[in-house]
Amino acid sequence: MRLRAFIFDLDGTLIDSVEAHVKSWITSFEYVGYSNVSEDNVRKLIGLSGMDIVKILLGDDGLRMYSLIRRVKNKVFFREIREGNVELYPCAPELLAYLKSRGKLLGLASSTPNYLLIQILEIFNIMDYFDVIVGGDEVRNGKPHPDIFIRAFSKLGVDPREGSVVGDTYYDIMPANRIGAFSILVLHDSGNSLSHTPTSTADETLPKLKVRSLCELLEILKELRN
């Protein structure tokens, strides 16, 4: 199979940011008076849109305060970046550079709003690798609906069946499989077994390829070339 394009998730896939997001959400919830939300409950929702996270955890009352919650959350998250608590995963730039050198089209599809994505990519100096960037604010239905990946492939002019989605949770794998893309799950040595998978058919949540790290994925791609 010749893959023309690769669509990457960001958080937990290219950057080690999940714990920073958890801390940011917890802090923002406490700021508006919700101190009983557990880190585990937040952690298993990372990958969904911010509005979906707030709706699930705080309900309609939380949604009415979403703008304030989001502002506090963003402030805390970027502080975590400045303090060095968010880093690129090993081999992330090398993998992106290799794919570009092979003439592949690259996209980023993240639940994070586009205006924040651009700032994050510029901070980590990987913005220029991507041909398209699709944030969660560009689609009506967030992950695990496939809309964000459909839009990314459409902007690249590539049929999803000729592309791959690279992510770290079922929020990436399930929609990738639904649109016929080649799904790649990156574990980052976490032992992630998609344990937070909702009720669905087994095939929808099984990745076509599972790797321990971006470094392993890079080596596999190089071997396939030979």
Foldseek 3Di string as FASTA:
>chain_A
DAAQAEEEEPDPAFKPQLVLLLVLLCVLCVVVPDNPDDSVLLSLPAQWAQLVSQCVGPNPVSNVCSVSSVVSSVVSSVVCVVVPVMGTFPCSQVLLVVCVVVNHAYEYFGQADPVVVVVVCVVHVNVVSHPYYFYNVVDDHGFPALVRVVVRCVVVVHQQLSHEYEYAALSGQLSSVVSNHQYEHEPLQVPDPNVVDDDDDPVSRDHNYYYPGVVVVSVVVVVVVD
